[in-house]
Amino acid sequence: MAEQDSSGILAQLRNGVQAINRLAQNLSSAFPVITGTSSSATGGSATLPANPVGFITVTLPNGTSARVPYYD
């Protein structure tokens, strides 16, 4: 009986690890890592509006915060 209980616990742990791995894969595809920044765009020269609608605060990999404007 104890052997059956331990195999059931091991199966549950294995299922939990697999679920965590799937979650990590889904999160990494939903929130890709930013690999660089640029102070200019090379894809065109669109002029942004003078006043952004608001700002999104993001935490950079080094722990500092940055405010990113968004426009209507």
C-alpha atoms as a PDB file:
ATOM      1  CA  MET A   1       0.000   0.000   0.000  1.00  0.00           C
ATOM      2  CA  ALA A   2       2.800   2.430   0.858  1.00  0.00           C
ATOM      3  CA  GLU A   3       4.468   1.722  -2.498  1.00  0.00           C
ATOM      4  CA  GLN A   4       1.256   2.639  -4.312  1.00  0.00           C
ATOM      5  CA  ASP A   5       0.964   5.842  -2.279  1.00  0.00           C
ATOM      6  CA  SER A   6       4.525   6.888  -3.080  1.00  0.00           C
ATOM      7  CA  SER A   7       4.086   6.178  -6.796  1.00  0.00           C
ATOM      8  CA  GLY A   8       0.906   8.291  -6.769  1.00  0.00           C
ATOM      9  CA  ILE A   9       2.738  11.153  -5.069  1.00  0.00           C
ATOM     10  CA  LEU A  10       5.596  10.894  -7.567  1.00  0.00           C
ATOM     11  CA  ALA A  11       3.127  10.978 -10.453  1.00  0.00           C
ATOM     12  CA  GLN A  12       1.488  14.088  -9.012  1.00  0.00           C
ATOM     13  CA  LEU A  13       4.870  15.770  -8.565  1.00  0.00           C
ATOM     14  CA  ARG A  14       5.818  14.873 -12.143  1.00  0.00           C
ATOM     15  CA  ASN A  15       2.526  16.334 -13.406  1.00  0.00           C
ATOM     16  CA  GLY A  16       3.167  19.494 -11.374  1.00  0.00           C
ATOM     17  CA  VAL A  17       6.649  19.912 -12.850  1.00  0.00           C
ATOM     18  CA  GLN A  18       5.294  19.415 -16.374  1.00  0.00           C
ATOM     19  CA  ALA A  19       2.573  22.008 -15.731  1.00  0.00           C
ATOM     20  CA  ILE A  20       5.149  24.517 -14.461  1.00  0.00           C
ATOM     21  CA  ASN A  21       7.313  23.907 -17.543  1.00  0.00           C
ATOM     22  CA  ARG A  22       4.320  24.486 -19.849  1.00  0.00           C
ATOM     23  CA  LEU A  23       3.467  27.667 -17.952  1.00  0.00           C
ATOM     24  CA  ALA A  24       7.058  28.919 -18.275  1.00  0.00           C
ATOM     25  CA  GLN A  25       6.997  28.255 -22.032  1.00  0.00           C
ATOM     26  CA  ASN A  26       3.670  30.078 -22.434  1.00  0.00           C
ATOM     27  CA  LEU A  27       4.864  33.044 -20.395  1.00  0.00           C
ATOM     28  CA  SER A  28       8.118  33.326 -22.336  1.00  0.00           C
ATOM     29  CA  SER A  29       6.224  33.376 -25.629  1.00  0.00           C
ATOM     30  CA  ALA A  30       3.696  35.910 -24.308  1.00  0.00           C
ATOM     31  CA  PHE A  31       6.357  38.151 -22.746  1.00  0.00           C
ATOM     32  CA  PRO A  32       9.509  37.893 -24.842  1.00  0.00           C
ATOM     33  CA  VAL A  33      12.737  39.223 -23.398  1.00  0.00           C
ATOM     34  CA  ILE A  34      13.864  42.577 -24.743  1.00  0.00           C
ATOM     35  CA  THR A  35      17.372  42.135 -26.078  1.00  0.00           C
ATOM     36  CA  GLY A  36      18.236  45.742 -26.802  1.00  0.00           C
ATOM     37  CA  THR A  37      17.101  49.316 -26.977  1.00  0.00           C
ATOM     38  CA  SER A  38      17.513  52.098 -29.495  1.00  0.00           C
ATOM     39  CA  SER A  39      17.210  55.850 -29.421  1.00  0.00           C
ATOM     40  CA  SER A  40      16.084  55.961 -33.058  1.00  0.00           C
ATOM     41  CA  ALA A  41      13.881  53.969 -35.400  1.00  0.00           C
ATOM     42  CA  THR A  42      15.213  52.709 -38.703  1.00  0.00           C
ATOM     43  CA  GLY A  43      11.861  51.632 -40.158  1.00  0.00           C
ATOM     44  CA  GLY A  44      10.544  55.094 -40.981  1.00  0.00           C
ATOM     45  CA  SER A  45      10.301  58.647 -39.821  1.00  0.00           C
ATOM     46  CA  ALA A  46       6.821  59.037 -38.369  1.00  0.00           C
ATOM     47  CA  THR A  47       6.330  62.096 -36.167  1.00  0.00           C
ATOM     48  CA  LEU A  48       4.779  61.264 -32.809  1.00  0.00           C
ATOM     49  CA  PRO A  49       2.087  63.465 -31.283  1.00  0.00           C
ATOM     50  CA  ALA A  50       3.331  66.150 -28.907  1.00  0.00           C
ATOM     51  CA  ASN A  51       1.557  64.724 -25.854  1.00  0.00           C
ATOM     52  CA  PRO A  52       1.327  61.021 -25.030  1.00  0.00           C
ATOM     53  CA  VAL A  53      -1.934  59.629 -23.655  1.00  0.00           C
ATOM     54  CA  GLY A  54      -0.044  58.089 -20.764  1.00  0.00           C
ATOM     55  CA  PHE A  55       2.996  56.134 -19.717  1.00  0.00           C
ATOM     56  CA  ILE A  56       3.669  52.464 -19.025  1.00  0.00           C
ATOM     57  CA  THR A  57       6.225  51.812 -16.299  1.00  0.00           C
ATOM     58  CA  VAL A  58       8.403  48.775 -16.966  1.00  0.00           C
ATOM     59  CA  THR A  59      11.114  47.249 -14.837  1.00  0.00           C
ATOM     60  CA  LEU A  60      14.289  46.679 -16.824  1.00  0.00           C
ATOM     61  CA  PRO A  61      16.473  43.580 -16.324  1.00  0.00           C
ATOM     62  CA  ASN A  62      18.932  45.599 -14.234  1.00  0.00           C
ATOM     63  CA  GLY A  63      16.118  46.499 -11.805  1.00  0.00           C
ATOM     64  CA  THR A  64      15.613  50.126 -12.794  1.00  0.00           C
ATOM     65  CA  SER A  65      12.246  51.459 -13.916  1.00  0.00           C
ATOM     66  CA  ALA A  66      11.567  53.155 -17.229  1.00  0.00           C
ATOM     67  CA  ARG A  67       8.481  55.066 -18.361  1.00  0.00           C
ATOM     68  CA  VAL A  68       7.413  54.312 -21.916  1.00  0.00           C
ATOM     69  CA  PRO A  69       4.912  56.713 -23.506  1.00  0.00           C
ATOM     70  CA  TYR A  70       1.869  55.476 -25.395  1.00  0.00           C
ATOM     71  CA  TYR A  71      -0.199  57.440 -27.870  1.00  0.00           C
ATOM     72  CA  ASP A  72      -3.807  57.470 -29.047  1.00  0.00           C
END
